[in-house]
PDB file of all heavy atoms in Angstrom:
ATOM      1  N   LEU A   1      10.276 -13.623 -15.355  1.00  0.00           N
ATOM      2  CA  LEU A   1      10.839 -14.968 -15.249  1.00  0.00           C
ATOM      3  C   LEU A   1      11.571 -15.420 -16.551  1.00  0.00           C
ATOM      4  O   LEU A   1      12.311 -16.364 -16.415  1.00  0.00           O
ATOM      5  CB  LEU A   1       9.700 -15.945 -14.908  1.00  0.00           C
ATOM      6  CG  LEU A   1       9.266 -15.954 -13.484  1.00  0.00           C
ATOM      7  CD1 LEU A   1       7.912 -16.751 -13.343  1.00  0.00           C
ATOM      8  CD2 LEU A   1      10.292 -16.448 -12.515  1.00  0.00           C
ATOM      9  N   GLU A   2      11.321 -14.751 -17.607  1.00  0.00           N
ATOM     10  CA  GLU A   2      12.120 -15.046 -18.825  1.00  0.00           C
ATOM     11  C   GLU A   2      13.504 -14.491 -18.762  1.00  0.00           C
ATOM     12  O   GLU A   2      14.386 -14.970 -19.524  1.00  0.00           O
ATOM     13  CB  GLU A   2      11.347 -14.374 -20.053  1.00  0.00           C
ATOM     14  CG  GLU A   2      10.012 -15.027 -20.336  1.00  0.00           C
ATOM     15  CD  GLU A   2       9.320 -14.395 -21.549  1.00  0.00           C
ATOM     16  OE1 GLU A   2       9.929 -13.469 -22.142  1.00  0.00           O
ATOM     17  OE2 GLU A   2       8.177 -14.779 -21.834  1.00  0.00           O
ATOM     18  N   VAL A   3      13.753 -13.619 -17.854  1.00  0.00           N
ATOM     19  CA  VAL A   3      15.086 -12.996 -17.711  1.00  0.00           C
ATOM     20  C   VAL A   3      15.766 -13.382 -16.431  1.00  0.00           C
ATOM     21  O   VAL A   3      16.933 -13.675 -16.355  1.00  0.00           O
ATOM     22  CB  VAL A   3      14.982 -11.394 -17.811  1.00  0.00           C
ATOM     23  CG1 VAL A   3      16.390 -10.770 -17.704  1.00  0.00           C
ATOM     24  CG2 VAL A   3      14.263 -11.048 -19.096  1.00  0.00           C
ATOM     25  N   TYR A   4      15.002 -13.380 -15.270  1.00  0.00           N
ATOM     26  CA  TYR A   4      15.560 -13.629 -13.974  1.00  0.00           C
ATOM     27  C   TYR A   4      15.029 -14.971 -13.435  1.00  0.00           C
ATOM     28  O   TYR A   4      14.019 -15.514 -13.849  1.00  0.00           O
ATOM     29  CB  TYR A   4      15.210 -12.537 -13.027  1.00  0.00           C
ATOM     30  CG  TYR A   4      15.637 -11.174 -13.537  1.00  0.00           C
ATOM     31  CD1 TYR A   4      14.671 -10.292 -14.038  1.00  0.00           C
ATOM     32  CD2 TYR A   4      16.971 -10.766 -13.505  1.00  0.00           C
ATOM     33  CE1 TYR A   4      15.058  -9.007 -14.553  1.00  0.00           C
ATOM     34  CE2 TYR A   4      17.320  -9.470 -13.913  1.00  0.00           C
ATOM     35  CZ  TYR A   4      16.382  -8.668 -14.498  1.00  0.00           C
ATOM     36  OH  TYR A   4      16.719  -7.437 -14.950  1.00  0.00           O
ATOM     37  N   ASP A   5      15.710 -15.497 -12.385  1.00  0.00           N
ATOM     38  CA  ASP A   5      15.182 -16.758 -11.736  1.00  0.00           C
ATOM     39  C   ASP A   5      14.031 -16.393 -10.809  1.00  0.00           C
ATOM     40  O   ASP A   5      13.785 -15.239 -10.488  1.00  0.00           O
ATOM     41  CB  ASP A   5      16.317 -17.471 -11.003  1.00  0.00           C
ATOM     42  CG  ASP A   5      16.871 -16.702  -9.832  1.00  0.00           C
ATOM     43  OD1 ASP A   5      16.345 -15.605  -9.496  1.00  0.00           O
ATOM     44  OD2 ASP A   5      17.894 -17.153  -9.242  1.00  0.00           O
ATOM     45  N   TRP A   6      13.295 -17.395 -10.345  1.00  0.00           N
ATOM     46  CA  TRP A   6      12.103 -17.195  -9.551  1.00  0.00           C
ATOM     47  C   TRP A   6      12.449 -16.523  -8.251  1.00  0.00           C
ATOM     48  O   TRP A   6      11.588 -15.775  -7.759  1.00  0.00           O
ATOM     49  CB  TRP A   6      11.388 -18.489  -9.342  1.00  0.00           C
ATOM     50  CG  TRP A   6      12.093 -19.511  -8.497  1.00  0.00           C
ATOM     51  CD1 TRP A   6      12.981 -20.471  -8.954  1.00  0.00           C
ATOM     52  CD2 TRP A   6      12.104 -19.690  -7.077  1.00  0.00           C
ATOM     53  NE1 TRP A   6      13.496 -21.237  -7.919  1.00  0.00           N
ATOM     54  CE2 TRP A   6      12.942 -20.726  -6.691  1.00  0.00           C
ATOM     55  CE3 TRP A   6      11.396 -18.965  -6.062  1.00  0.00           C
ATOM     56  CZ2 TRP A   6      13.120 -21.128  -5.438  1.00  0.00           C
ATOM     57  CZ3 TRP A   6      11.625 -19.375  -4.754  1.00  0.00           C
ATOM     58  CH2 TRP A   6      12.460 -20.417  -4.405  1.00  0.00           C
ATOM     59  N   ARG A   7      13.595 -16.771  -7.706  1.00  0.00           N
ATOM     60  CA  ARG A   7      13.919 -16.194  -6.394  1.00  0.00           C
ATOM     61  C   ARG A   7      14.037 -14.638  -6.529  1.00  0.00           C
ATOM     62  O   ARG A   7      13.553 -13.891  -5.682  1.00  0.00           O
ATOM     63  CB  ARG A   7      15.310 -16.726  -5.896  1.00  0.00           C
ATOM     64  CG  ARG A   7      15.236 -18.254  -5.605  1.00  0.00           C
ATOM     65  CD  ARG A   7      16.606 -18.750  -5.107  1.00  0.00           C
ATOM     66  NE  ARG A   7      16.609 -20.182  -4.962  1.00  0.00           N
ATOM     67  CZ  ARG A   7      16.194 -20.825  -3.851  1.00  0.00           C
ATOM     68  NH1 ARG A   7      15.713 -20.162  -2.919  1.00  0.00           N
ATOM     69  NH2 ARG A   7      16.285 -22.156  -3.875  1.00  0.00           N
ATOM     70  N   THR A   8      14.701 -14.169  -7.588  1.00  0.00           N
ATOM     71  CA  THR A   8      14.915 -12.785  -7.814  1.00  0.00           C
ATOM     72  C   THR A   8      13.521 -12.059  -8.071  1.00  0.00           C
ATOM     73  O   THR A   8      13.247 -10.986  -7.498  1.00  0.00           O
ATOM     74  CB  THR A   8      15.774 -12.490  -9.004  1.00  0.00           C
ATOM     75  OG1 THR A   8      17.036 -13.123  -8.822  1.00  0.00           O
ATOM     76  CG2 THR A   8      15.946 -10.979  -9.272  1.00  0.00           C
ATOM     77  N   VAL A   9      12.694 -12.737  -8.850  1.00  0.00           N
ATOM     78  CA  VAL A   9      11.344 -12.182  -9.169  1.00  0.00           C
ATOM     79  C   VAL A   9      10.560 -12.027  -7.853  1.00  0.00           C
ATOM     80  O   VAL A   9       9.880 -11.064  -7.650  1.00  0.00           O
ATOM     81  CB  VAL A   9      10.580 -13.038 -10.187  1.00  0.00           C
ATOM     82  CG1 VAL A   9       9.234 -12.515 -10.436  1.00  0.00           C
ATOM     83  CG2 VAL A   9      11.424 -13.037 -11.514  1.00  0.00           C
ATOM     84  N   LEU A  10      10.603 -13.092  -7.076  1.00  0.00           N
ATOM     85  CA  LEU A  10       9.829 -13.055  -5.805  1.00  0.00           C
ATOM     86  C   LEU A  10      10.313 -11.987  -4.874  1.00  0.00           C
ATOM     87  O   LEU A  10       9.497 -11.299  -4.199  1.00  0.00           O
ATOM     88  CB  LEU A  10       9.982 -14.447  -5.151  1.00  0.00           C
ATOM     89  CG  LEU A  10       8.904 -14.852  -4.071  1.00  0.00           C
ATOM     90  CD1 LEU A  10       7.512 -14.865  -4.732  1.00  0.00           C
ATOM     91  CD2 LEU A  10       9.185 -16.186  -3.440  1.00  0.00           C
ATOM     92  N   ARG A  11      11.610 -11.715  -4.844  1.00  0.00           N
ATOM     93  CA  ARG A  11      12.159 -10.651  -3.972  1.00  0.00           C
ATOM     94  C   ARG A  11      11.709  -9.272  -4.521  1.00  0.00           C
ATOM     95  O   ARG A  11      11.374  -8.377  -3.759  1.00  0.00           O
ATOM     96  CB  ARG A  11      13.701 -10.773  -3.959  1.00  0.00           C
ATOM     97  CG  ARG A  11      14.188 -11.953  -3.123  1.00  0.00           C
ATOM     98  CD  ARG A  11      15.684 -12.209  -3.393  1.00  0.00           C
ATOM     99  NE  ARG A  11      16.034 -13.569  -2.917  1.00  0.00           N
ATOM    100  CZ  ARG A  11      17.106 -14.235  -3.332  1.00  0.00           C
ATOM    101  NH1 ARG A  11      17.931 -13.667  -4.162  1.00  0.00           N
ATOM    102  NH2 ARG A  11      17.373 -15.411  -2.800  1.00  0.00           N
ATOM    103  N   VAL A  12      11.724  -9.058  -5.856  1.00  0.00           N
ATOM    104  CA  VAL A  12      11.369  -7.807  -6.439  1.00  0.00           C
ATOM    105  C   VAL A  12       9.901  -7.503  -6.117  1.00  0.00           C
ATOM    106  O   VAL A  12       9.556  -6.402  -5.705  1.00  0.00           O
ATOM    107  CB  VAL A  12      11.640  -7.837  -7.931  1.00  0.00           C
ATOM    108  CG1 VAL A  12      11.019  -6.570  -8.609  1.00  0.00           C
ATOM    109  CG2 VAL A  12      13.116  -7.853  -8.255  1.00  0.00           C
ATOM    110  N   ILE A  13       9.038  -8.591  -6.273  1.00  0.00           N
ATOM    111  CA  ILE A  13       7.641  -8.403  -6.014  1.00  0.00           C
ATOM    112  C   ILE A  13       7.415  -8.055  -4.527  1.00  0.00           C
ATOM    113  O   ILE A  13       6.642  -7.217  -4.118  1.00  0.00           O
ATOM    114  CB  ILE A  13       6.889  -9.616  -6.395  1.00  0.00           C
ATOM    115  CG1 ILE A  13       6.862  -9.807  -7.929  1.00  0.00           C
ATOM    116  CG2 ILE A  13       5.413  -9.572  -5.867  1.00  0.00           C
ATOM    117  CD1 ILE A  13       6.282 -11.129  -8.392  1.00  0.00           C
ATOM    118  N   GLY A  14       8.143  -8.792  -3.615  1.00  0.00           N
ATOM    119  CA  GLY A  14       8.009  -8.522  -2.256  1.00  0.00           C
ATOM    120  C   GLY A  14       8.441  -7.102  -1.850  1.00  0.00           C
ATOM    121  O   GLY A  14       7.742  -6.480  -1.096  1.00  0.00           O
ATOM    122  N   VAL A  15       9.537  -6.632  -2.470  1.00  0.00           N
ATOM    123  CA  VAL A  15      10.007  -5.205  -2.157  1.00  0.00           C
ATOM    124  C   VAL A  15       8.929  -4.257  -2.646  1.00  0.00           C
ATOM    125  O   VAL A  15       8.589  -3.277  -1.964  1.00  0.00           O
ATOM    126  CB  VAL A  15      11.323  -4.984  -2.851  1.00  0.00           C
ATOM    127  CG1 VAL A  15      11.684  -3.517  -2.810  1.00  0.00           C
ATOM    128  CG2 VAL A  15      12.443  -5.767  -2.178  1.00  0.00           C
ATOM    129  N   GLY A  16       8.362  -4.547  -3.814  1.00  0.00           N
ATOM    130  CA  GLY A  16       7.335  -3.634  -4.335  1.00  0.00           C
ATOM    131  C   GLY A  16       6.147  -3.515  -3.372  1.00  0.00           C
ATOM    132  O   GLY A  16       5.576  -2.453  -3.162  1.00  0.00           O
ATOM    133  N   PHE A  17       5.716  -4.680  -2.855  1.00  0.00           N
ATOM    134  CA  PHE A  17       4.584  -4.698  -1.955  1.00  0.00           C
ATOM    135  C   PHE A  17       4.924  -3.930  -0.701  1.00  0.00           C
ATOM    136  O   PHE A  17       4.038  -3.230  -0.152  1.00  0.00           O
ATOM    137  CB  PHE A  17       4.125  -6.073  -1.666  1.00  0.00           C
ATOM    138  CG  PHE A  17       2.828  -6.210  -0.863  1.00  0.00           C
ATOM    139  CD1 PHE A  17       1.626  -6.040  -1.556  1.00  0.00           C
ATOM    140  CD2 PHE A  17       2.794  -6.372   0.525  1.00  0.00           C
ATOM    141  CE1 PHE A  17       0.388  -6.075  -0.941  1.00  0.00           C
ATOM    142  CE2 PHE A  17       1.582  -6.386   1.136  1.00  0.00           C
ATOM    143  CZ  PHE A  17       0.387  -6.256   0.447  1.00  0.00           C
ATOM    144  N   VAL A  18       6.091  -4.089  -0.189  1.00  0.00           N
ATOM    145  CA  VAL A  18       6.553  -3.426   1.083  1.00  0.00           C
ATOM    146  C   VAL A  18       6.511  -1.893   0.836  1.00  0.00           C
ATOM    147  O   VAL A  18       6.072  -1.127   1.711  1.00  0.00           O
ATOM    148  CB  VAL A  18       7.933  -3.884   1.558  1.00  0.00           C
ATOM    149  CG1 VAL A  18       8.489  -2.933   2.603  1.00  0.00           C
ATOM    150  CG2 VAL A  18       7.800  -5.297   2.063  1.00  0.00           C
ATOM    151  N   VAL A  19       6.932  -1.435  -0.350  1.00  0.00           N
ATOM    152  CA  VAL A  19       6.924  -0.006  -0.689  1.00  0.00           C
ATOM    153  C   VAL A  19       5.469   0.531  -0.689  1.00  0.00           C
ATOM    154  O   VAL A  19       5.242   1.631  -0.086  1.00  0.00           O
ATOM    155  CB  VAL A  19       7.584   0.232  -2.021  1.00  0.00           C
ATOM    156  CG1 VAL A  19       7.285   1.639  -2.517  1.00  0.00           C
ATOM    157  CG2 VAL A  19       9.131  -0.048  -1.975  1.00  0.00           C
ATOM    158  N   VAL A  20       4.567  -0.241  -1.187  1.00  0.00           N
ATOM    159  CA  VAL A  20       3.128   0.186  -1.214  1.00  0.00           C
ATOM    160  C   VAL A  20       2.653   0.262   0.193  1.00  0.00           C
ATOM    161  O   VAL A  20       1.835   1.125   0.595  1.00  0.00           O
ATOM    162  CB  VAL A  20       2.325  -0.658  -2.127  1.00  0.00           C
ATOM    163  CG1 VAL A  20       0.845  -0.331  -2.025  1.00  0.00           C
ATOM    164  CG2 VAL A  20       2.780  -0.669  -3.581  1.00  0.00           C
ATOM    165  N   LEU A  21       2.984  -0.709   1.020  1.00  0.00           N
ATOM    166  CA  LEU A  21       2.581  -0.736   2.435  1.00  0.00           C
ATOM    167  C   LEU A  21       3.086   0.538   3.174  1.00  0.00           C
ATOM    168  O   LEU A  21       2.392   1.094   4.019  1.00  0.00           O
ATOM    169  CB  LEU A  21       3.058  -2.024   3.120  1.00  0.00           C
ATOM    170  CG  LEU A  21       2.181  -3.278   3.037  1.00  0.00           C
ATOM    171  CD1 LEU A  21       2.971  -4.470   3.556  1.00  0.00           C
ATOM    172  CD2 LEU A  21       0.893  -3.099   3.847  1.00  0.00           C
ATOM    173  N   LEU A  22       4.309   0.877   2.866  1.00  0.00           N
ATOM    174  CA  LEU A  22       4.872   2.105   3.531  1.00  0.00           C
ATOM    175  C   LEU A  22       4.144   3.364   3.080  1.00  0.00           C
ATOM    176  O   LEU A  22       3.991   4.264   3.858  1.00  0.00           O
ATOM    177  CB  LEU A  22       6.332   2.232   3.209  1.00  0.00           C
ATOM    178  CG  LEU A  22       7.287   1.133   3.812  1.00  0.00           C
ATOM    179  CD1 LEU A  22       8.698   1.221   3.294  1.00  0.00           C
ATOM    180  CD2 LEU A  22       7.292   1.213   5.345  1.00  0.00           C
ATOM    181  N   PHE A  23       3.779   3.379   1.817  1.00  0.00           N
ATOM    182  CA  PHE A  23       3.032   4.507   1.240  1.00  0.00           C
ATOM    183  C   PHE A  23       1.617   4.607   2.004  1.00  0.00           C
ATOM    184  O   PHE A  23       1.185   5.627   2.453  1.00  0.00           O
ATOM    185  CB  PHE A  23       2.764   4.356  -0.295  1.00  0.00           C
ATOM    186  CG  PHE A  23       1.918   5.444  -0.838  1.00  0.00           C
ATOM    187  CD1 PHE A  23       2.482   6.767  -1.171  1.00  0.00           C
ATOM    188  CD2 PHE A  23       0.590   5.242  -1.077  1.00  0.00           C
ATOM    189  CE1 PHE A  23       1.731   7.704  -1.733  1.00  0.00           C
ATOM    190  CE2 PHE A  23      -0.201   6.254  -1.633  1.00  0.00           C
ATOM    191  CZ  PHE A  23       0.350   7.482  -1.983  1.00  0.00           C
ATOM    192  N   ALA A  24       1.026   3.445   2.125  1.00  0.00           N
ATOM    193  CA  ALA A  24      -0.262   3.350   2.820  1.00  0.00           C
ATOM    194  C   ALA A  24      -0.112   3.724   4.294  1.00  0.00           C
ATOM    195  O   ALA A  24      -1.018   4.357   4.866  1.00  0.00           O
ATOM    196  CB  ALA A  24      -0.854   1.989   2.700  1.00  0.00           C
ATOM    197  N   TYR A  25       1.030   3.342   4.908  1.00  0.00           N
ATOM    198  CA  TYR A  25       1.226   3.764   6.279  1.00  0.00           C
ATOM    199  C   TYR A  25       1.159   5.250   6.487  1.00  0.00           C
ATOM    200  O   TYR A  25       0.737   5.767   7.456  1.00  0.00           O
ATOM    201  CB  TYR A  25       2.646   3.263   6.729  1.00  0.00           C
ATOM    202  CG  TYR A  25       3.022   3.550   8.177  1.00  0.00           C
ATOM    203  CD1 TYR A  25       2.601   2.781   9.217  1.00  0.00           C
ATOM    204  CD2 TYR A  25       3.763   4.732   8.403  1.00  0.00           C
ATOM    205  CE1 TYR A  25       2.944   3.093  10.526  1.00  0.00           C
ATOM    206  CE2 TYR A  25       4.075   5.051   9.703  1.00  0.00           C
ATOM    207  CZ  TYR A  25       3.710   4.256  10.756  1.00  0.00           C
ATOM    208  OH  TYR A  25       4.070   4.568  12.056  1.00  0.00           O
ATOM    209  N   LYS A  26       1.611   5.945   5.486  1.00  0.00           N
ATOM    210  CA  LYS A  26       1.693   7.429   5.565  1.00  0.00           C
ATOM    211  C   LYS A  26       0.329   8.049   5.343  1.00  0.00           C
ATOM    212  O   LYS A  26      -0.037   9.113   5.990  1.00  0.00           O
ATOM    213  CB  LYS A  26       2.636   7.992   4.536  1.00  0.00           C
ATOM    214  CG  LYS A  26       2.852   9.519   4.612  1.00  0.00           C
ATOM    215  CD  LYS A  26       3.895  10.035   3.613  1.00  0.00           C
ATOM    216  CE  LYS A  26       4.061  11.562   3.751  1.00  0.00           C
ATOM    217  NZ  LYS A  26       5.100  12.079   2.784  1.00  0.00           N
ATOM    218  N   TYR A  27      -0.433   7.472   4.403  1.00  0.00           N
ATOM    219  CA  TYR A  27      -1.676   8.161   4.016  1.00  0.00           C
ATOM    220  C   TYR A  27      -2.994   7.507   4.396  1.00  0.00           C
ATOM    221  O   TYR A  27      -4.064   8.144   4.391  1.00  0.00           O
ATOM    222  CB  TYR A  27      -1.714   8.368   2.462  1.00  0.00           C
ATOM    223  CG  TYR A  27      -0.631   9.301   1.985  1.00  0.00           C
ATOM    224  CD1 TYR A  27       0.478   8.837   1.345  1.00  0.00           C
ATOM    225  CD2 TYR A  27      -0.723  10.651   2.250  1.00  0.00           C
ATOM    226  CE1 TYR A  27       1.465   9.666   0.839  1.00  0.00           C
ATOM    227  CE2 TYR A  27       0.298  11.544   1.783  1.00  0.00           C
ATOM    228  CZ  TYR A  27       1.391  11.038   1.117  1.00  0.00           C
ATOM    229  OH  TYR A  27       2.363  11.924   0.646  1.00  0.00           O
ATOM    230  N   LEU A  28      -2.964   6.244   4.780  1.00  0.00           N
ATOM    231  CA  LEU A  28      -4.202   5.532   5.142  1.00  0.00           C
ATOM    232  C   LEU A  28      -4.505   5.770   6.562  1.00  0.00           C
ATOM    233  O   LEU A  28      -3.741   5.522   7.443  1.00  0.00           O
ATOM    234  CB  LEU A  28      -4.082   4.074   4.882  1.00  0.00           C
ATOM    235  CG  LEU A  28      -5.392   3.210   5.066  1.00  0.00           C
ATOM    236  CD1 LEU A  28      -6.426   3.666   4.160  1.00  0.00           C
ATOM    237  CD2 LEU A  28      -5.080   1.726   4.914  1.00  0.00           C
ATOM    238  N   SER A  29      -5.729   6.341   6.848  1.00  0.00           N
ATOM    239  CA  SER A  29      -6.087   6.621   8.184  1.00  0.00           C
ATOM    240  C   SER A  29      -7.620   6.576   8.320  1.00  0.00           C
ATOM    241  O   SER A  29      -8.352   6.595   7.335  1.00  0.00           O
ATOM    242  CB  SER A  29      -5.600   8.040   8.594  1.00  0.00           C
ATOM    243  OG  SER A  29      -6.178   8.966   7.765  1.00  0.00           O
ATOM    244  N   GLN A  30      -8.155   6.523   9.552  1.00  0.00           N
ATOM    245  CA  GLN A  30      -9.540   6.602   9.769  1.00  0.00           C
ATOM    246  C   GLN A  30     -10.001   8.034  10.047  1.00  0.00           C
ATOM    247  O   GLN A  30      -9.171   8.808  10.630  1.00  0.00           O
ATOM    248  CB  GLN A  30      -9.932   5.718  10.961  1.00  0.00           C
ATOM    249  CG  GLN A  30      -9.768   4.222  10.662  1.00  0.00           C
ATOM    250  CD  GLN A  30     -10.207   3.368  11.864  1.00  0.00           C
ATOM    251  OE1 GLN A  30     -10.752   3.910  12.816  1.00  0.00           O
ATOM    252  NE2 GLN A  30      -9.978   2.073  11.726  1.00  0.00           N
ATOM    253  N   PRO A  31     -11.157   8.439   9.638  1.00  0.00           N
ATOM    254  CA  PRO A  31     -11.593   9.805   9.907  1.00  0.00           C
ATOM    255  C   PRO A  31     -11.768  10.040  11.403  1.00  0.00           C
ATOM    256  O   PRO A  31     -12.132   9.119  12.187  1.00  0.00           O
ATOM    257  CB  PRO A  31     -12.936   9.894   9.137  1.00  0.00           C
ATOM    258  CG  PRO A  31     -13.424   8.513   9.130  1.00  0.00           C
ATOM    259  CD  PRO A  31     -12.177   7.643   8.990  1.00  0.00           C
ATOM    260  N   SER A  32     -11.630  11.287  11.843  1.00  0.00           N
ATOM    261  CA  SER A  32     -11.921  11.566  13.247  1.00  0.00           C
ATOM    262  C   SER A  32     -13.453  11.639  13.439  1.00  0.00           C
ATOM    263  O   SER A  32     -14.159  11.960  12.493  1.00  0.00           O
ATOM    264  CB  SER A  32     -11.346  12.945  13.599  1.00  0.00           C
ATOM    265  OG  SER A  32     -11.894  13.989  12.749  1.00  0.00           O
ATOM    266  N   LEU A  33     -13.846  11.329  14.626  1.00  0.00           N
ATOM    267  CA  LEU A  33     -15.284  11.304  14.897  1.00  0.00           C
ATOM    268  C   LEU A  33     -15.907  12.721  14.714  1.00  0.00           C
ATOM    269  O   LEU A  33     -17.100  12.809  14.613  1.00  0.00           O
ATOM    270  CB  LEU A  33     -15.535  10.747  16.320  1.00  0.00           C
ATOM    271  CG  LEU A  33     -15.143   9.364  16.548  1.00  0.00           C
ATOM    272  CD1 LEU A  33     -15.456   8.944  17.981  1.00  0.00           C
ATOM    273  CD2 LEU A  33     -15.891   8.402  15.576  1.00  0.00           C
ATOM    274  N   SER A  34     -15.095  13.739  14.727  1.00  0.00           N
ATOM    275  CA  SER A  34     -15.657  15.101  14.643  1.00  0.00           C
ATOM    276  C   SER A  34     -16.060  15.437  13.200  1.00  0.00           C
ATOM    277  O   SER A  34     -16.746  16.438  12.942  1.00  0.00           O
ATOM    278  CB  SER A  34     -14.625  16.090  15.109  1.00  0.00           C
ATOM    279  OG  SER A  34     -13.461  16.008  14.370  1.00  0.00           O
ATOM    280  N   CYS A  35     -15.579  14.571  12.253  1.00  0.00           N
ATOM    281  CA  CYS A  35     -15.921  14.871  10.873  1.00  0.00           C
ATOM    282  C   CYS A  35     -17.402  14.797  10.572  1.00  0.00           C
ATOM    283  O   CYS A  35     -17.962  15.601   9.882  1.00  0.00           O
ATOM    284  CB  CYS A  35     -15.172  13.892   9.950  1.00  0.00           C
ATOM    285  SG  CYS A  35     -13.399  14.173   9.855  1.00  0.00           S
ATOM    286  N   GLY A  36     -18.048  13.755  11.131  1.00  0.00           N
ATOM    287  CA  GLY A  36     -19.411  13.578  10.918  1.00  0.00           C
ATOM    288  C   GLY A  36     -19.747  13.087   9.523  1.00  0.00           C
ATOM    289  O   GLY A  36     -18.916  13.002   8.636  1.00  0.00           O
ATOM    290  N   GLN A  37     -21.008  12.835   9.248  1.00  0.00           N
ATOM    291  CA  GLN A  37     -21.451  12.408   7.962  1.00  0.00           C
ATOM    292  C   GLN A  37     -22.343  13.556   7.430  1.00  0.00           C
ATOM    293  O   GLN A  37     -23.547  13.540   7.510  1.00  0.00           O
ATOM    294  CB  GLN A  37     -22.251  11.129   8.027  1.00  0.00           C
ATOM    295  CG  GLN A  37     -22.608  10.603   6.672  1.00  0.00           C
ATOM    296  CD  GLN A  37     -23.283   9.254   6.769  1.00  0.00           C
ATOM    297  OE1 GLN A  37     -23.166   8.580   7.794  1.00  0.00           O
ATOM    298  NE2 GLN A  37     -23.994   8.814   5.751  1.00  0.00           N
ATOM    299  N   ASP A  38     -21.709  14.541   6.793  1.00  0.00           N
ATOM    300  CA  ASP A  38     -22.463  15.665   6.353  1.00  0.00           C
ATOM    301  C   ASP A  38     -23.116  15.443   4.969  1.00  0.00           C
ATOM    302  O   ASP A  38     -23.000  14.395   4.364  1.00  0.00           O
ATOM    303  CB  ASP A  38     -21.603  16.923   6.327  1.00  0.00           C
ATOM    304  CG  ASP A  38     -20.411  16.818   5.421  1.00  0.00           C
ATOM    305  OD1 ASP A  38     -20.471  16.016   4.440  1.00  0.00           O
ATOM    306  OD2 ASP A  38     -19.397  17.455   5.673  1.00  0.00           O
ATOM    307  N   ALA A  39     -23.746  16.502   4.480  1.00  0.00           N
ATOM    308  CA  ALA A  39     -24.508  16.413   3.198  1.00  0.00           C
ATOM    309  C   ALA A  39     -23.537  16.090   2.062  1.00  0.00           C
ATOM    310  O   ALA A  39     -23.944  15.542   1.049  1.00  0.00           O
ATOM    311  CB  ALA A  39     -25.203  17.634   3.010  1.00  0.00           C
ATOM    312  N   GLY A  40     -22.303  16.455   2.179  1.00  0.00           N
ATOM    313  CA  GLY A  40     -21.329  16.249   1.117  1.00  0.00           C
ATOM    314  C   GLY A  40     -20.774  14.856   1.099  1.00  0.00           C
ATOM    315  O   GLY A  40     -19.994  14.482   0.225  1.00  0.00           O
ATOM    316  N   GLY A  41     -21.199  14.071   2.088  1.00  0.00           N
ATOM    317  CA  GLY A  41     -20.703  12.682   2.080  1.00  0.00           C
ATOM    318  C   GLY A  41     -19.382  12.516   2.706  1.00  0.00           C
ATOM    319  O   GLY A  41     -18.698  11.550   2.544  1.00  0.00           O
TER     320      GLY A  41
END
């Protein structure tokens, strides 16, 4: 905010969060029921 106006900063932060959401979309998932809860946790 010392360099840019609040609108620009808000957009940059929003884009950053969307990028993280897209990363999570690729890798975040629930385990299959066949995995089970074995001794290794």
